[in-house]
Protein backbone atom coordinates (compact mmCIF):
# COMPACT_ATOMS: atom_id res chain seq x y z
CA MET A 1 31.54 -141.45 123.98
CA GLY A 2 29.92 -140.31 126.98
CA LYS A 3 25.63 -140.06 127.42
CA CYS A 4 25.48 -135.92 127.32
CA SER A 5 27.50 -135.87 124.55
CA GLU A 6 26.08 -138.41 122.91
CA ILE A 7 22.47 -136.19 122.87
CA ILE A 8 24.66 -133.09 122.46
CA ASN A 9 25.98 -134.40 118.93
CA SER A 10 22.16 -135.39 118.20
CA LEU A 11 20.96 -132.23 118.41
CA GLN A 12 23.76 -130.45 116.92
CA ARG A 13 23.45 -132.75 113.94
CA SER A 14 19.60 -131.02 114.09
CA THR A 15 20.36 -127.63 113.95
CA ASP A 16 19.43 -124.58 111.56
CA PRO A 17 20.97 -121.71 111.66
CA VAL A 18 18.34 -119.28 110.27
CA ARG A 19 16.09 -120.98 112.72
CA ALA A 20 18.82 -120.22 115.41
CA GLU A 21 19.37 -116.96 114.41
CA HIS A 22 15.71 -116.03 114.16
CA SER A 23 15.81 -117.62 117.71
CA GLN A 24 18.29 -115.13 118.59
CA GLY A 25 16.12 -112.25 118.07
CA PHE A 26 12.59 -114.18 119.60
CA PHE A 27 14.18 -115.17 122.83
CA LYS A 28 15.79 -111.37 123.46
CA THR A 29 19.24 -112.65 123.93
CA GLY A 30 20.80 -108.91 123.36
CA PRO A 31 22.66 -107.07 125.92
CA GLY A 32 19.67 -105.84 128.57
CA GLU A 33 17.06 -107.85 127.26
CA TYR A 34 15.75 -110.82 129.27
CA GLY A 35 17.72 -113.95 127.72
CA GLU A 36 21.07 -112.02 127.33
CA GLY A 37 23.79 -114.12 126.24
CA ASP A 38 21.76 -117.39 125.35
CA LEU A 39 23.08 -119.61 122.16
CA PHE A 40 20.89 -121.50 119.95
CA LEU A 41 21.41 -124.64 117.72
CA GLY A 42 18.11 -123.95 115.71
CA VAL A 43 16.48 -127.37 116.47
CA ARG A 44 12.65 -127.58 116.06
CA VAL A 45 10.75 -129.10 119.70
CA PRO A 46 9.23 -131.73 117.82
CA ILE A 47 12.89 -133.28 116.87
CA ILE A 48 13.97 -132.57 120.70
CA ARG A 49 10.94 -134.34 122.07
CA LYS A 50 12.23 -137.26 120.00
CA LEU A 51 15.51 -137.41 121.55
CA VAL A 52 13.79 -137.03 124.38
CA ARG A 53 12.06 -140.39 123.97
CA GLU A 54 14.96 -142.04 122.43
CA PHE A 55 17.09 -140.85 125.97
CA ARG A 56 14.44 -142.25 128.26
CA GLY A 57 17.08 -142.99 131.43
CA LEU A 58 19.18 -139.96 132.39
CA ASP A 59 19.93 -140.13 135.50
CA LEU A 60 20.12 -136.72 138.09
CA ILE A 61 24.08 -136.61 137.48
CA ASP A 62 24.12 -136.78 133.78
CA MET A 63 20.76 -134.69 134.02
CA GLU A 64 22.30 -131.49 136.13
CA GLU A 65 25.59 -131.51 133.64
CA LEU A 66 22.89 -131.27 130.94
CA LEU A 67 21.44 -128.26 132.45
CA ASN A 68 24.22 -126.14 132.32
CA SER A 69 24.75 -126.20 128.52
CA LYS A 70 25.14 -123.19 127.23
CA TRP A 71 22.99 -124.01 124.42
CA HIS A 72 19.14 -123.65 124.91
CA GLU A 73 17.72 -127.00 123.02
CA VAL A 74 20.23 -128.60 125.41
CA ARG A 75 18.73 -127.04 128.71
CA LEU A 76 14.65 -127.29 126.88
CA PHE A 77 15.73 -131.25 126.11
CA THR A 78 16.93 -131.87 130.01
CA LEU A 79 14.44 -130.23 131.18
CA LEU A 80 11.54 -132.89 128.97
CA SER A 81 13.47 -135.35 130.17
CA MET A 82 13.14 -134.27 133.71
CA VAL A 83 9.27 -134.13 132.94
CA ASP A 84 9.49 -137.63 131.29
CA SER A 85 10.65 -139.15 134.57
CA PHE A 86 9.16 -137.63 136.74
CA LYS A 87 5.74 -138.60 135.20
CA ARG A 88 7.07 -142.11 134.66
CA HIS A 89 8.83 -142.56 138.20
CA PRO A 90 6.59 -141.90 140.99
CA GLY A 91 7.99 -142.16 144.76
CA ARG A 92 11.33 -141.08 145.67
CA GLY A 93 12.51 -140.22 141.76
CA ARG A 94 10.19 -137.16 142.30
CA GLU A 95 11.54 -135.72 144.78
CA GLU A 96 14.64 -135.72 143.25
CA ILE A 97 13.99 -134.41 140.07
CA TYR A 98 11.64 -131.59 141.96
CA ASN A 99 15.00 -130.83 144.44
CA LEU A 100 17.22 -130.63 141.31
CA TYR A 101 15.13 -128.34 139.44
CA MET A 102 14.41 -126.14 142.32
CA SER A 103 18.39 -125.68 143.00
CA ASN A 104 18.84 -125.27 138.79
CA THR A 105 15.99 -122.67 138.35
CA ASN A 106 18.80 -119.76 137.27
CA ARG A 107 19.16 -122.39 134.07
CA VAL A 108 15.45 -122.52 133.68
CA SER A 109 15.98 -119.08 131.99
CA SER A 110 13.57 -118.42 129.67
CA TRP A 111 9.74 -118.13 129.37
CA ASP A 112 9.75 -121.47 126.92
CA LEU A 113 12.11 -123.57 129.37
CA VAL A 114 9.28 -122.29 132.33
CA ASP A 115 6.49 -123.31 130.98
CA SER A 116 7.18 -126.28 129.33
CA SER A 117 8.55 -127.31 133.37
CA ALA A 118 7.10 -125.34 135.91
CA PRO A 119 3.39 -127.50 136.13
CA HIS A 120 5.04 -131.02 135.67
CA ILE A 121 7.11 -130.69 138.22
CA SER A 122 7.41 -127.87 141.09
CA GLY A 123 3.63 -127.58 140.55
CA ALA A 124 2.58 -131.41 140.58
CA TYR A 125 4.81 -132.26 143.21
CA LEU A 126 3.70 -129.40 145.85
CA TRP A 127 0.19 -130.25 144.67
CA ASP A 128 -0.27 -132.75 148.18
CA ARG A 129 2.40 -130.28 149.94
CA SER A 130 3.26 -127.15 151.10
CA ARG A 131 3.28 -124.20 148.49
CA GLN A 132 5.24 -121.96 150.76
CA PRO A 133 8.76 -122.41 147.69
CA LEU A 134 6.31 -120.83 145.04
CA TYR A 135 5.78 -118.09 147.37
CA ASP A 136 9.42 -117.56 148.12
CA PHE A 137 9.87 -117.30 144.57
CA ALA A 138 7.73 -114.55 144.02
CA VAL A 139 9.25 -112.78 146.28
CA SER A 140 12.53 -113.12 144.91
CA ASP A 141 14.47 -110.97 143.18
CA SER A 142 14.46 -113.03 140.01
CA LEU A 143 12.64 -113.04 137.24
CA TRP A 144 12.70 -116.43 136.40
CA LYS A 145 11.51 -117.88 139.65
CA HIS A 146 8.88 -115.00 139.45
CA ARG A 147 7.41 -116.74 136.72
CA ILE A 148 8.03 -120.29 138.04
CA ALA A 149 6.36 -119.52 140.86
CA VAL A 150 2.75 -118.42 138.77
CA ILE A 151 2.92 -121.03 136.20
CA SER A 152 3.70 -124.01 138.27
CA THR A 153 0.12 -122.94 139.50
CA GLN A 154 -1.37 -124.38 136.36
CA HIS A 155 -1.05 -127.99 138.18
CA PHE A 156 -3.46 -127.02 140.71
CA ILE A 157 -5.52 -125.23 138.71
CA ARG A 158 -5.81 -128.02 136.16
CA LYS A 159 -7.21 -129.80 139.25
CA GLN A 160 -10.05 -126.71 140.32
CA SER A 161 -8.09 -125.66 142.95
CA PHE A 162 -6.81 -121.49 142.58
CA ASP A 163 -6.19 -119.77 146.28
CA ASP A 164 -2.40 -119.88 144.95
CA THR A 165 -2.93 -118.47 141.99
CA LEU A 166 -4.88 -115.75 142.90
CA LYS A 167 -2.31 -115.13 146.19
CA ILE A 168 0.82 -115.16 143.70
CA ALA A 169 -0.86 -112.61 141.38
CA GLU A 170 -2.02 -110.33 143.91
CA LEU A 171 2.05 -110.71 145.15
CA LEU A 172 3.27 -110.17 141.38
CA ILE A 173 0.82 -107.49 140.61
CA ASP A 174 3.32 -104.98 140.48
CA ASP A 175 5.99 -106.65 138.59
CA LYS A 176 7.94 -104.40 136.55
CA GLU A 177 8.57 -107.21 133.32
CA ASP A 178 6.22 -107.69 130.64
CA LEU A 179 6.93 -111.40 130.76
CA ILE A 180 4.88 -111.44 134.02
CA HIS A 181 2.37 -109.91 133.06
CA LYS A 182 1.76 -111.85 130.39
CA ALA A 183 2.03 -115.10 132.86
CA VAL A 184 0.12 -113.36 135.37
CA GLY A 185 -3.03 -112.79 133.22
CA TRP A 186 -2.47 -116.36 130.89
CA MET A 187 -3.07 -117.91 134.85
CA LEU A 188 -5.86 -115.68 135.49
CA ARG A 189 -7.47 -116.39 132.14
CA GLU A 190 -7.52 -120.76 133.14
CA VAL A 191 -8.80 -119.63 136.17
CA GLY A 192 -11.76 -117.78 134.97
CA LYS A 193 -12.42 -120.99 131.76
CA ARG A 194 -12.97 -122.67 135.07
CA ASP A 195 -14.64 -120.47 137.21
CA LEU A 196 -15.08 -116.89 135.66
CA ARG A 197 -17.02 -116.05 139.10
CA VAL A 198 -13.63 -116.52 140.82
CA GLU A 199 -11.84 -114.56 138.24
CA GLU A 200 -13.94 -112.07 138.35
CA ASP A 201 -13.96 -111.51 141.74
CA PHE A 202 -10.34 -111.23 142.09
CA LEU A 203 -10.36 -108.62 139.17
CA SER A 204 -13.30 -106.68 140.90
CA SER A 205 -10.58 -104.78 143.33
CA LEU A 206 -7.72 -105.09 141.07
CA TYR A 207 -8.21 -104.46 137.68
CA LYS A 208 -7.33 -100.64 138.37
CA LYS A 209 -3.97 -101.08 139.49
CA MET A 210 -3.22 -104.17 136.98
CA PRO A 211 -0.32 -103.39 134.47
CA ARG A 212 -2.27 -102.54 130.89
CA THR A 213 -0.92 -106.32 129.82
CA MET A 214 -1.73 -108.78 132.51
CA LEU A 215 -5.51 -107.19 132.10
CA ARG A 216 -5.80 -107.78 128.80
CA TYR A 217 -4.11 -111.30 129.14
CA ALA A 218 -6.64 -112.02 131.81
CA ILE A 219 -10.04 -110.91 129.73
CA GLU A 220 -9.15 -111.71 126.39
CA LYS A 221 -12.41 -114.59 126.53
CA PHE A 222 -14.17 -112.31 127.52
CA ASP A 223 -17.31 -110.99 125.48
CA SER A 224 -16.18 -107.69 123.77
CA ASN A 225 -18.90 -105.80 125.57
CA ARG A 226 -17.40 -107.47 129.16
CA ARG A 227 -13.67 -106.82 127.84
CA ARG A 228 -14.48 -102.84 126.54
CA SER A 229 -15.81 -102.16 130.38
CA TYR A 230 -12.40 -103.45 132.07
CA LEU A 231 -10.34 -101.56 129.86
CA GLN A 232 -12.07 -98.24 130.68
CA GLY A 233 -12.35 -99.04 133.99
CA SER A 234 -16.78 -98.65 134.18
CA ILE A 235 -17.03 -101.92 135.93
């Protein structure tokens, strides 16, 4: 049995039909929804993470094959394996994982898949390189590339670098998708945790045109009076 088949069989042994059905709804897999057509086994994330440790050492060919699985949890397993390998193997290995990731973003097709991988692969790789790939993603026509663009900057935020987050947030401020409103607001909130003045300077000229969800996420940690002022447009 090949390694990919062994991994899929291991995941299938932990299926939970009730959880799978719940996930179909939670991740909006119905017609016309953002996760349309995605399929779930119902495997819990701690089990997936345990299998990542058990199957360390996947090569790029195995990773790419698994990324093309129809099963959501198989793709999550693969992305977590890529993150694990990226952290454990500096140098050329990181470049190969980054390239594989960026050329298969159509398979990173759910908010949890993006959030568990983008900061740790694209964000980490681009830390000391040009961030232009993220700007290209931000102006693409792909929901998931938009989310990858802004969530990748979480790596920069953790290193006290905020400019790219703010620039990409402004590019996405008119985005039509609620998932992007939440992602942008979340990253602005993360900036504010580290430097509130930077976040408020950004909000001062843009908060009135922000989608309501984006603004609510961005100001979630503000005191109640300050939140109220923003929401009432009276700053």
